[in-house]
Amino acid sequence: MRGLDAAALARVIELAAWRQRLCIELDRPLGQVLSDRQLVEIARLRAASAAAIRGIKGLSRLARERADEIAAAAAAARPGQVSALAAARPPSLRAQRWAEILLAIVQLVAEQTGVAARLLATRADAEAFARAVDEGGLAAAAELPAMTTWRRDVIGEAWRGWLTGARVLVGDVTAPRGVWLAPR
């Protein structure tokens, strides 16, 4: 999203909110509706008509069927309400460290549950979670995708447990995975 002007950033926000609502309604992962790359591509379009949206390569069947809704969400964007890009300043060193450990927890949980790691959480999810908690506490992360969908029970609670000290990541040379997440 680097280099996007206020209008395009506003469209990203509206499109992401639309995608989130639809994913919750349909109980589907975000990428099955609209990938991050496609979302940003649509936001870059100055006139995001339904026809232009349907022309985007690799768009899911669901997104093609809902191109009118996507165009309406993009048109609803309010550039005047977009503040300076928070992402312009890098996350703190603490948030960066947390994000790496949160990703390791994703891998552990994926192996334990049999759910693909990419469905549980992406690097962007882990980074957003770590940054939100670092800058605003656990309450600030409550509305993030990892904490508002089915993933909250699977990965969100593991992350929350680790960050609050209720769970610890333990190195173990005898464990098949080398580490495990244990209750404190």
C-alpha atoms as a PDB file:
ATOM      1  CA  MET A   1       0.000   0.000   0.000  1.00  0.00           C
ATOM      2  CA  ARG A   2       3.023   2.259   0.048  1.00  0.00           C
ATOM      3  CA  GLY A   3       2.583   5.205  -2.233  1.00  0.00           C
ATOM      4  CA  LEU A   4      -1.222   5.216  -2.197  1.00  0.00           C
ATOM      5  CA  ASP A   5      -2.835   8.623  -1.977  1.00  0.00           C
ATOM      6  CA  ALA A   6      -5.601   9.434   0.519  1.00  0.00           C
ATOM      7  CA  ALA A   7      -8.368   8.504  -1.943  1.00  0.00           C
ATOM      8  CA  ALA A   8      -6.869   5.072  -2.647  1.00  0.00           C
ATOM      9  CA  LEU A   9      -6.229   4.480   1.070  1.00  0.00           C
ATOM     10  CA  ALA A  10      -9.844   5.337   1.798  1.00  0.00           C
ATOM     11  CA  ARG A  11     -10.914   2.797  -0.839  1.00  0.00           C
ATOM     12  CA  VAL A  12      -8.663   0.158   0.771  1.00  0.00           C
ATOM     13  CA  ILE A  13     -10.346   0.791   4.120  1.00  0.00           C
ATOM     14  CA  GLU A  14     -13.872   0.552   2.677  1.00  0.00           C
ATOM     15  CA  LEU A  15     -13.048  -2.540   0.604  1.00  0.00           C
ATOM     16  CA  ALA A  16     -11.386  -4.283   3.550  1.00  0.00           C
ATOM     17  CA  ALA A  17     -14.409  -3.539   5.753  1.00  0.00           C
ATOM     18  CA  TRP A  18     -16.783  -4.884   3.075  1.00  0.00           C
ATOM     19  CA  ARG A  19     -14.640  -8.015   2.659  1.00  0.00           C
ATOM     20  CA  GLN A  20     -14.502  -8.570   6.424  1.00  0.00           C
ATOM     21  CA  ARG A  21     -18.288  -8.293   6.796  1.00  0.00           C
ATOM     22  CA  LEU A  22     -18.876 -10.708   3.910  1.00  0.00           C
ATOM     23  CA  CYS A  23     -16.318 -13.223   5.214  1.00  0.00           C
ATOM     24  CA  ILE A  24     -17.964 -13.221   8.625  1.00  0.00           C
ATOM     25  CA  GLU A  25     -21.399 -13.624   7.016  1.00  0.00           C
ATOM     26  CA  LEU A  26     -20.240 -16.502   4.788  1.00  0.00           C
ATOM     27  CA  ASP A  27     -17.737 -17.946   7.308  1.00  0.00           C
ATOM     28  CA  ARG A  28     -14.934 -17.921   4.759  1.00  0.00           C
ATOM     29  CA  PRO A  29     -11.268 -16.882   4.865  1.00  0.00           C
ATOM     30  CA  LEU A  30     -10.544 -13.390   3.542  1.00  0.00           C
ATOM     31  CA  GLY A  31      -8.532 -14.642   0.573  1.00  0.00           C
ATOM     32  CA  GLN A  32     -11.422 -16.736  -0.726  1.00  0.00           C
ATOM     33  CA  VAL A  33     -13.448 -13.588  -1.236  1.00  0.00           C
ATOM     34  CA  LEU A  34     -10.804 -11.090  -2.328  1.00  0.00           C
ATOM     35  CA  SER A  35      -7.037 -11.343  -1.918  1.00  0.00           C
ATOM     36  CA  ASP A  36      -5.081  -8.462  -0.415  1.00  0.00           C
ATOM     37  CA  ARG A  37      -3.367  -7.896  -3.764  1.00  0.00           C
ATOM     38  CA  GLN A  38      -6.691  -7.679  -5.588  1.00  0.00           C
ATOM     39  CA  LEU A  39      -8.128  -5.404  -2.919  1.00  0.00           C
ATOM     40  CA  VAL A  40      -5.256  -2.950  -3.370  1.00  0.00           C
ATOM     41  CA  GLU A  41      -5.525  -3.254  -7.164  1.00  0.00           C
ATOM     42  CA  ILE A  42      -9.209  -2.280  -7.010  1.00  0.00           C
ATOM     43  CA  ALA A  43      -8.371   0.588  -4.647  1.00  0.00           C
ATOM     44  CA  ARG A  44      -5.863   1.904  -7.182  1.00  0.00           C
ATOM     45  CA  LEU A  45      -8.577   2.110  -9.857  1.00  0.00           C
ATOM     46  CA  ARG A  46      -9.861   5.663 -10.096  1.00  0.00           C
ATOM     47  CA  ALA A  47     -13.260   4.564 -11.434  1.00  0.00           C
ATOM     48  CA  ALA A  48     -13.901   1.130  -9.954  1.00  0.00           C
ATOM     49  CA  SER A  49     -16.895   0.067 -12.027  1.00  0.00           C
ATOM     50  CA  ALA A  50     -18.343  -3.415 -11.731  1.00  0.00           C
ATOM     51  CA  ALA A  51     -17.126  -4.138 -15.276  1.00  0.00           C
ATOM     52  CA  ALA A  52     -13.562  -3.023 -14.438  1.00  0.00           C
ATOM     53  CA  ILE A  53     -13.607  -5.143 -11.304  1.00  0.00           C
ATOM     54  CA  ARG A  54     -14.788  -8.223 -13.202  1.00  0.00           C
ATOM     55  CA  GLY A  55     -11.837  -7.712 -15.555  1.00  0.00           C
ATOM     56  CA  ILE A  56      -9.263  -8.197 -12.812  1.00  0.00           C
ATOM     57  CA  LYS A  57      -7.231 -11.328 -13.389  1.00  0.00           C
ATOM     58  CA  GLY A  58      -7.624 -14.151 -10.876  1.00  0.00           C
ATOM     59  CA  LEU A  59     -10.718 -12.733  -9.190  1.00  0.00           C
ATOM     60  CA  SER A  60     -12.764 -15.364  -7.334  1.00  0.00           C
ATOM     61  CA  ARG A  61     -16.190 -16.381  -8.629  1.00  0.00           C
ATOM     62  CA  LEU A  62     -17.703 -14.896  -5.484  1.00  0.00           C
ATOM     63  CA  ALA A  63     -16.014 -11.539  -6.071  1.00  0.00           C
ATOM     64  CA  ARG A  64     -17.116 -11.495  -9.717  1.00  0.00           C
ATOM     65  CA  GLU A  65     -20.704 -12.173  -8.645  1.00  0.00           C
ATOM     66  CA  ARG A  66     -20.506  -9.336  -6.122  1.00  0.00           C
ATOM     67  CA  ALA A  67     -18.664  -6.840  -8.336  1.00  0.00           C
ATOM     68  CA  ASP A  68     -21.522  -4.351  -7.922  1.00  0.00           C
ATOM     69  CA  GLU A  69     -21.116  -4.482  -4.127  1.00  0.00           C
ATOM     70  CA  ILE A  70     -17.337  -4.073  -4.468  1.00  0.00           C
ATOM     71  CA  ALA A  71     -17.811  -1.041  -6.732  1.00  0.00           C
ATOM     72  CA  ALA A  72     -20.280   0.451  -4.257  1.00  0.00           C
ATOM     73  CA  ALA A  73     -17.847  -0.068  -1.362  1.00  0.00           C
ATOM     74  CA  ALA A  74     -15.049   1.614  -3.337  1.00  0.00           C
ATOM     75  CA  ALA A  75     -17.353   4.512  -4.219  1.00  0.00           C
ATOM     76  CA  ALA A  76     -18.336   4.934  -0.542  1.00  0.00           C
ATOM     77  CA  ALA A  77     -14.748   5.758   0.432  1.00  0.00           C
ATOM     78  CA  ARG A  78     -14.210   9.092   2.168  1.00  0.00           C
ATOM     79  CA  PRO A  79     -10.654  10.321   1.560  1.00  0.00           C
ATOM     80  CA  GLY A  80     -11.103  13.266   3.921  1.00  0.00           C
ATOM     81  CA  GLN A  81     -11.468  10.884   6.842  1.00  0.00           C
ATOM     82  CA  VAL A  82      -8.188   9.076   6.206  1.00  0.00           C
ATOM     83  CA  SER A  83      -5.487  10.225   8.600  1.00  0.00           C
ATOM     84  CA  ALA A  84      -1.795  10.106   7.838  1.00  0.00           C
ATOM     85  CA  LEU A  85      -0.682   6.602   7.107  1.00  0.00           C
ATOM     86  CA  ALA A  86       0.160   4.850  10.365  1.00  0.00           C
ATOM     87  CA  ALA A  87       2.144   2.328   8.344  1.00  0.00           C
ATOM     88  CA  ALA A  88       4.487   5.124   7.294  1.00  0.00           C
ATOM     89  CA  ARG A  89       6.300   4.746  10.582  1.00  0.00           C
ATOM     90  CA  PRO A  90       7.737   1.320  11.214  1.00  0.00           C
ATOM     91  CA  PRO A  91       6.449  -0.833  14.052  1.00  0.00           C
ATOM     92  CA  SER A  92       8.498  -0.844  17.222  1.00  0.00           C
ATOM     93  CA  LEU A  93      11.244  -3.401  17.712  1.00  0.00           C
ATOM     94  CA  ARG A  94       9.054  -5.019  20.355  1.00  0.00           C
ATOM     95  CA  ALA A  95       6.148  -5.410  17.907  1.00  0.00           C
ATOM     96  CA  GLN A  96       8.509  -6.831  15.278  1.00  0.00           C
ATOM     97  CA  ARG A  97       9.806  -9.441  17.738  1.00  0.00           C
ATOM     98  CA  TRP A  98       6.287 -10.323  18.816  1.00  0.00           C
ATOM     99  CA  ALA A  99       5.172 -10.773  15.210  1.00  0.00           C
ATOM    100  CA  GLU A 100       7.916 -13.335  14.582  1.00  0.00           C
ATOM    101  CA  ILE A 101       6.921 -15.334  17.653  1.00  0.00           C
ATOM    102  CA  LEU A 102       3.228 -15.071  16.752  1.00  0.00           C
ATOM    103  CA  LEU A 103       4.088 -16.603  13.369  1.00  0.00           C
ATOM    104  CA  ALA A 104       5.869 -19.480  15.105  1.00  0.00           C
ATOM    105  CA  ILE A 105       2.733 -20.028  17.183  1.00  0.00           C
ATOM    106  CA  VAL A 106       0.682 -20.129  13.966  1.00  0.00           C
ATOM    107  CA  GLN A 107       2.896 -22.943  12.671  1.00  0.00           C
ATOM    108  CA  LEU A 108       2.525 -24.894  15.917  1.00  0.00           C
ATOM    109  CA  VAL A 109      -1.242 -24.509  16.005  1.00  0.00           C
ATOM    110  CA  ALA A 110      -1.491 -25.435  12.314  1.00  0.00           C
ATOM    111  CA  GLU A 111       0.413 -28.661  12.926  1.00  0.00           C
ATOM    112  CA  GLN A 112      -1.677 -29.490  15.996  1.00  0.00           C
ATOM    113  CA  THR A 113      -5.063 -28.765  14.401  1.00  0.00           C
ATOM    114  CA  GLY A 114      -4.418 -29.835  10.821  1.00  0.00           C
ATOM    115  CA  VAL A 115      -5.630 -26.435   9.576  1.00  0.00           C
ATOM    116  CA  ALA A 116      -3.331 -24.835   7.007  1.00  0.00           C
ATOM    117  CA  ALA A 117      -1.221 -22.074   8.542  1.00  0.00           C
ATOM    118  CA  ARG A 118      -2.191 -19.619   5.791  1.00  0.00           C
ATOM    119  CA  LEU A 119      -5.849 -20.024   6.775  1.00  0.00           C
ATOM    120  CA  LEU A 120      -5.128 -19.402  10.439  1.00  0.00           C
ATOM    121  CA  ALA A 121      -3.084 -16.234  10.021  1.00  0.00           C
ATOM    122  CA  THR A 122      -0.748 -14.552   7.582  1.00  0.00           C
ATOM    123  CA  ARG A 123       2.386 -12.568   8.321  1.00  0.00           C
ATOM    124  CA  ALA A 124       0.281  -9.424   7.859  1.00  0.00           C
ATOM    125  CA  ASP A 125      -2.191 -10.692  10.487  1.00  0.00           C
ATOM    126  CA  ALA A 126       0.619 -11.352  12.967  1.00  0.00           C
ATOM    127  CA  GLU A 127       2.232  -7.978  12.304  1.00  0.00           C
ATOM    128  CA  ALA A 128      -1.078  -6.118  12.615  1.00  0.00           C
ATOM    129  CA  PHE A 129      -1.881  -7.941  15.852  1.00  0.00           C
ATOM    130  CA  ALA A 130       1.550  -7.274  17.357  1.00  0.00           C
ATOM    131  CA  ARG A 131       1.459  -3.623  16.353  1.00  0.00           C
ATOM    132  CA  ALA A 132      -2.076  -3.097  17.658  1.00  0.00           C
ATOM    133  CA  VAL A 133      -1.235  -4.634  21.030  1.00  0.00           C
ATOM    134  CA  ASP A 134       2.042  -2.729  21.238  1.00  0.00           C
ATOM    135  CA  GLU A 135       0.412   0.615  20.481  1.00  0.00           C
ATOM    136  CA  GLY A 136      -2.969   0.218  22.157  1.00  0.00           C
ATOM    137  CA  GLY A 137      -3.041  -2.874  24.346  1.00  0.00           C
ATOM    138  CA  LEU A 138      -5.013  -6.083  23.901  1.00  0.00           C
ATOM    139  CA  ALA A 139      -8.292  -4.193  23.513  1.00  0.00           C
ATOM    140  CA  ALA A 140      -6.906  -2.507  20.393  1.00  0.00           C
ATOM    141  CA  ALA A 141      -6.529  -5.889  18.691  1.00  0.00           C
ATOM    142  CA  ALA A 142     -10.073  -7.040  19.468  1.00  0.00           C
ATOM    143  CA  GLU A 143     -11.458  -5.992  16.070  1.00  0.00           C
ATOM    144  CA  LEU A 144      -8.693  -7.488  13.955  1.00  0.00           C
ATOM    145  CA  PRO A 145      -9.627 -10.418  11.686  1.00  0.00           C
ATOM    146  CA  ALA A 146      -7.726 -12.938  13.807  1.00  0.00           C
ATOM    147  CA  MET A 147      -9.907 -12.000  16.780  1.00  0.00           C
ATOM    148  CA  THR A 148     -13.325 -11.534  15.129  1.00  0.00           C
ATOM    149  CA  THR A 149     -13.877 -14.718  13.140  1.00  0.00           C
ATOM    150  CA  TRP A 150     -13.617 -18.449  13.822  1.00  0.00           C
ATOM    151  CA  ARG A 151      -9.877 -17.877  14.021  1.00  0.00           C
ATOM    152  CA  ARG A 152     -10.240 -16.196  17.428  1.00  0.00           C
ATOM    153  CA  ASP A 153     -10.848 -19.565  19.084  1.00  0.00           C
ATOM    154  CA  VAL A 154      -8.060 -21.281  17.161  1.00  0.00           C
ATOM    155  CA  ILE A 155      -5.208 -18.786  16.858  1.00  0.00           C
ATOM    156  CA  GLY A 156      -6.362 -15.557  18.520  1.00  0.00           C
ATOM    157  CA  GLU A 157      -6.622 -17.100  21.955  1.00  0.00           C
ATOM    158  CA  ALA A 158      -3.193 -18.736  21.580  1.00  0.00           C
ATOM    159  CA  TRP A 159      -1.691 -15.346  20.683  1.00  0.00           C
ATOM    160  CA  ARG A 160      -3.523 -13.615  23.500  1.00  0.00           C
ATOM    161  CA  GLY A 161      -2.443 -16.308  25.953  1.00  0.00           C
ATOM    162  CA  TRP A 162       1.203 -15.954  24.962  1.00  0.00           C
ATOM    163  CA  LEU A 163       1.156 -12.147  25.121  1.00  0.00           C
ATOM    164  CA  THR A 164      -0.492 -12.140  28.557  1.00  0.00           C
ATOM    165  CA  GLY A 165       1.821 -14.815  29.941  1.00  0.00           C
ATOM    166  CA  ALA A 166      -0.986 -17.356  30.390  1.00  0.00           C
ATOM    167  CA  ARG A 167       0.847 -19.589  27.897  1.00  0.00           C
ATOM    168  CA  VAL A 168       4.551 -19.998  27.314  1.00  0.00           C
ATOM    169  CA  LEU A 169       6.531 -21.150  24.315  1.00  0.00           C
ATOM    170  CA  VAL A 170       8.817 -23.915  25.517  1.00  0.00           C
ATOM    171  CA  GLY A 171      11.860 -25.264  23.690  1.00  0.00           C
ATOM    172  CA  ASP A 172      12.108 -29.039  23.952  1.00  0.00           C
ATOM    173  CA  VAL A 173      14.745 -31.155  22.201  1.00  0.00           C
ATOM    174  CA  THR A 174      12.633 -34.270  22.765  1.00  0.00           C
ATOM    175  CA  ALA A 175       9.445 -32.813  21.243  1.00  0.00           C
ATOM    176  CA  PRO A 176       8.735 -33.642  17.586  1.00  0.00           C
ATOM    177  CA  ARG A 177       8.218 -29.959  16.755  1.00  0.00           C
ATOM    178  CA  GLY A 178      11.103 -28.748  18.910  1.00  0.00           C
ATOM    179  CA  VAL A 179       8.830 -26.330  20.756  1.00  0.00           C
ATOM    180  CA  TRP A 180       5.386 -26.363  22.268  1.00  0.00           C
ATOM    181  CA  LEU A 181       2.919 -23.904  23.691  1.00  0.00           C
ATOM    182  CA  ALA A 182       2.207 -24.742  27.303  1.00  0.00           C
ATOM    183  CA  PRO A 183      -0.106 -23.283  29.920  1.00  0.00           C
ATOM    184  CA  ARG A 184       1.768 -21.333  32.536  1.00  0.00           C
END
